[in-house]
Protein backbone atom coordinates (compact mmCIF):
# COMPACT_ATOMS: atom_id res chain seq x y z
CA MET A 1 -0.06 -0.31 0.12
CA ALA A 2 1.41 3.44 -0.99
CA VAL A 3 1.41 6.15 1.60
CA LYS A 4 0.39 9.53 0.34
CA LYS A 5 2.59 12.56 1.44
CA LYS A 6 0.93 15.35 2.83
CA MET A 7 2.07 18.55 1.17
CA PRO A 8 2.16 21.65 2.65
CA ALA A 9 -0.46 24.13 1.02
CA LYS A 10 1.52 27.14 -1.22
CA LYS A 11 0.90 30.23 -0.07
CA LYS A 12 -0.21 32.80 -2.33
CA ASP A 13 2.02 35.87 -2.83
CA GLU A 14 -0.04 38.67 -1.35
CA SER A 15 0.49 42.18 -0.19
CA VAL A 16 1.17 42.06 3.35
CA ALA A 17 0.69 45.72 5.03
CA LEU A 18 2.65 46.25 8.75
CA ARG A 19 0.98 49.52 10.71
CA LEU A 20 3.58 50.60 12.85
CA SER A 21 3.02 53.54 15.79
CA LYS A 22 4.91 55.04 18.31
CA GLY A 23 3.31 57.01 20.94
CA GLY A 24 -0.23 57.49 21.89
CA LYS A 25 -3.61 57.40 20.31
CA ASN A 26 -3.12 60.40 17.93
CA ALA A 27 0.37 59.48 16.88
CA PRO A 28 1.05 59.08 12.97
CA VAL A 29 0.78 55.33 11.45
CA VAL A 30 3.23 54.44 9.19
CA GLU A 31 2.29 52.05 6.71
CA VAL A 32 4.91 49.33 5.39
CA ARG A 33 4.01 47.27 2.26
CA GLN A 34 5.60 44.32 0.81
CA ILE A 35 6.14 44.58 -2.99
CA LYS A 36 3.61 42.55 -4.66
CA ASN A 37 4.70 39.87 -7.17
CA VAL A 38 2.64 40.44 -10.65
CA ALA A 39 3.41 37.22 -12.32
CA PRO A 40 1.31 35.30 -15.36
CA ARG A 41 -1.75 34.03 -14.17
CA LYS A 42 -4.67 31.79 -15.30
CA TYR A 43 -7.45 33.68 -17.27
CA SER A 44 -10.46 34.40 -14.98
CA SER A 45 -13.79 36.05 -16.70
CA LYS A 46 -14.76 37.07 -13.16
CA ILE A 47 -14.52 41.04 -12.23
CA SER A 48 -13.70 41.81 -8.93
CA LYS A 49 -16.20 44.35 -6.61
CA ALA A 50 -13.39 46.85 -6.99
CA GLN A 51 -13.10 46.58 -10.73
CA LYS A 52 -17.02 46.55 -11.45
CA PHE A 53 -17.05 49.86 -9.56
CA GLN A 54 -14.32 51.61 -11.68
CA LEU A 55 -16.30 50.25 -14.58
CA GLU A 56 -19.02 52.21 -13.30
CA VAL A 57 -16.89 55.28 -12.84
CA ILE A 58 -15.54 54.80 -16.53
CA ALA A 59 -19.25 54.63 -17.57
CA ARG A 60 -20.23 58.17 -16.30
CA THR A 61 -17.33 59.75 -17.65
CA ASN A 62 -18.27 61.53 -20.70
CA PHE A 63 -16.68 64.44 -22.31
CA ASN A 64 -15.39 65.47 -26.05
CA PHE A 65 -14.88 62.04 -27.95
CA CYS A 66 -14.60 60.11 -24.50
CA ASP A 67 -18.03 58.16 -24.32
CA GLY A 68 -17.59 56.29 -21.04
CA ARG A 69 -20.60 54.29 -21.05
CA ARG A 70 -19.66 52.60 -24.61
CA ILE A 71 -15.99 52.11 -23.45
CA ALA A 72 -17.03 50.20 -20.15
CA GLU A 73 -19.14 48.00 -22.39
CA LEU A 74 -16.57 47.17 -24.64
CA LEU A 75 -14.21 46.61 -21.71
CA LYS A 76 -16.65 44.28 -20.33
CA GLY A 77 -17.17 42.49 -23.88
CA ASN A 78 -13.60 42.13 -23.97
CA ARG A 79 -12.62 40.58 -20.64
CA ARG A 80 -10.27 38.25 -21.97
CA MET A 81 -7.98 40.80 -23.11
CA TRP A 82 -7.37 42.89 -19.80
CA ARG A 83 -6.53 42.31 -16.03
CA ALA A 84 -7.70 45.70 -14.95
CA ALA A 85 -8.69 48.59 -16.09
CA LEU A 86 -8.86 52.06 -14.15
CA MET A 87 -9.46 55.90 -14.89
CA PRO A 88 -7.68 57.66 -11.90
CA LEU A 89 -8.52 61.66 -11.50
CA ASN A 90 -6.59 64.79 -10.33
CA LEU A 91 -7.79 66.66 -6.89
CA ILE A 92 -9.24 69.00 -9.23
CA SER A 93 -12.12 66.71 -8.99
CA LEU A 94 -12.62 67.87 -5.60
CA ARG A 95 -13.46 70.98 -6.71
CA ASP A 96 -16.45 70.05 -8.96
CA MET A 97 -17.72 66.88 -7.68
CA GLU A 98 -20.54 68.53 -6.00
CA GLU A 99 -21.75 69.63 -9.65
CA ASP A 100 -20.99 65.91 -10.93
CA CYS A 101 -18.34 66.48 -12.87
CA TRP A 102 -15.34 64.19 -12.98
CA HIS A 103 -12.13 65.33 -14.37
CA ALA A 104 -10.48 62.24 -15.45
CA ASP A 105 -8.93 62.19 -19.06
CA THR A 106 -6.60 58.85 -19.10
CA LEU A 107 -7.66 55.30 -18.76
CA TYR A 108 -5.18 52.69 -18.11
CA ILE A 109 -5.49 49.09 -19.42
CA TYR A 110 -3.30 46.27 -17.59
CA ALA A 111 -3.32 44.12 -20.65
CA GLU A 112 -3.41 40.38 -20.47
CA ASP A 113 -0.28 38.40 -21.97
CA GLY A 114 -1.19 38.07 -25.72
CA TYR A 115 -3.66 40.18 -26.30
CA GLN A 116 -1.83 43.18 -26.39
CA HIS A 117 -2.08 43.78 -30.13
CA SER A 118 -5.92 43.04 -30.03
CA MET A 119 -6.33 45.43 -26.97
CA GLU A 120 -4.64 48.20 -28.71
CA GLU A 121 -6.66 47.46 -31.96
CA LEU A 122 -10.06 47.70 -30.31
CA VAL A 123 -8.89 50.94 -28.39
CA ARG A 124 -7.54 52.75 -31.74
CA GLU A 125 -10.70 51.55 -33.18
CA GLN A 126 -13.53 52.21 -30.86
CA PHE A 127 -12.34 54.30 -28.14
CA ASN A 128 -11.75 57.67 -30.31
CA ALA A 129 -8.90 58.44 -28.15
CA ASP A 130 -6.55 61.49 -28.87
CA GLU A 131 -3.50 59.79 -27.91
CA VAL A 132 -3.00 55.93 -27.26
CA HIS A 133 0.74 54.43 -26.34
CA TRP A 134 1.91 51.50 -23.92
CA ILE A 135 4.21 51.89 -20.73
CA GLY A 136 6.67 49.19 -20.90
CA SER A 137 8.11 46.56 -17.85
CA SER A 138 10.41 48.84 -16.16
CA SER A 139 7.90 52.00 -15.98
CA ALA A 140 5.25 49.49 -14.98
CA VAL A 141 7.13 47.75 -12.39
CA ASP A 142 7.57 51.51 -10.90
CA ILE A 143 4.19 52.63 -11.25
CA MET A 144 2.43 49.65 -9.92
CA GLY A 145 4.55 48.81 -7.24
CA ALA A 146 5.53 45.43 -8.42
CA SER A 147 8.64 43.28 -8.52
CA GLY A 148 9.87 42.33 -11.93
CA GLU A 149 8.77 39.12 -12.14
CA GLY A 150 6.44 38.39 -14.86
CA PHE A 151 7.28 41.37 -16.74
CA GLU A 152 10.49 40.00 -18.62
CA GLU A 153 11.39 43.27 -20.35
CA LYS A 154 8.02 43.69 -22.28
CA SER A 155 7.14 46.73 -24.13
CA GLN A 156 3.46 46.45 -23.75
CA VAL A 157 2.50 46.25 -20.27
CA VAL A 158 -0.04 48.76 -19.43
CA LEU A 159 -2.06 50.64 -22.51
CA SER A 160 -2.55 54.50 -21.74
CA VAL A 161 -5.34 55.96 -23.65
CA TRP A 162 -6.01 59.56 -23.41
CA TRP A 163 -8.38 62.31 -24.44
CA ASP A 164 -8.13 66.18 -24.68
């Protein structure tokens, strides 16, 4: 009779935060984050709650040639091509948010490996953007706070889409 050896469970590479504080209740808190490894992964059609929220924000963004509702639908319909999409904003939005104005003009799409060309083609043909360019692995590692693993000198990691 063969005996099965029980293997220890593999730990997921997760970002871990450590909060340090000196002094009393009102002392400043320093947060130290472990750099997250963003390695290749198995495709998942699931959209996280955080990503659904961001797609809703994108859908509500409309100005000049940026049709946010259409862009959000195109992203949802082409989920296989991307890992994450984000439309951050500048703090000028604080001034006008009360009037329902959102000052985001750049969309960043973290492309899925093997779909970079298709993603760029979709964006150029359907998004009516003024500028489209790729952010390569060395810059992507810096802006995403990731380790270099999984990026291997790629010239197409994050697609930047800008409207004037």
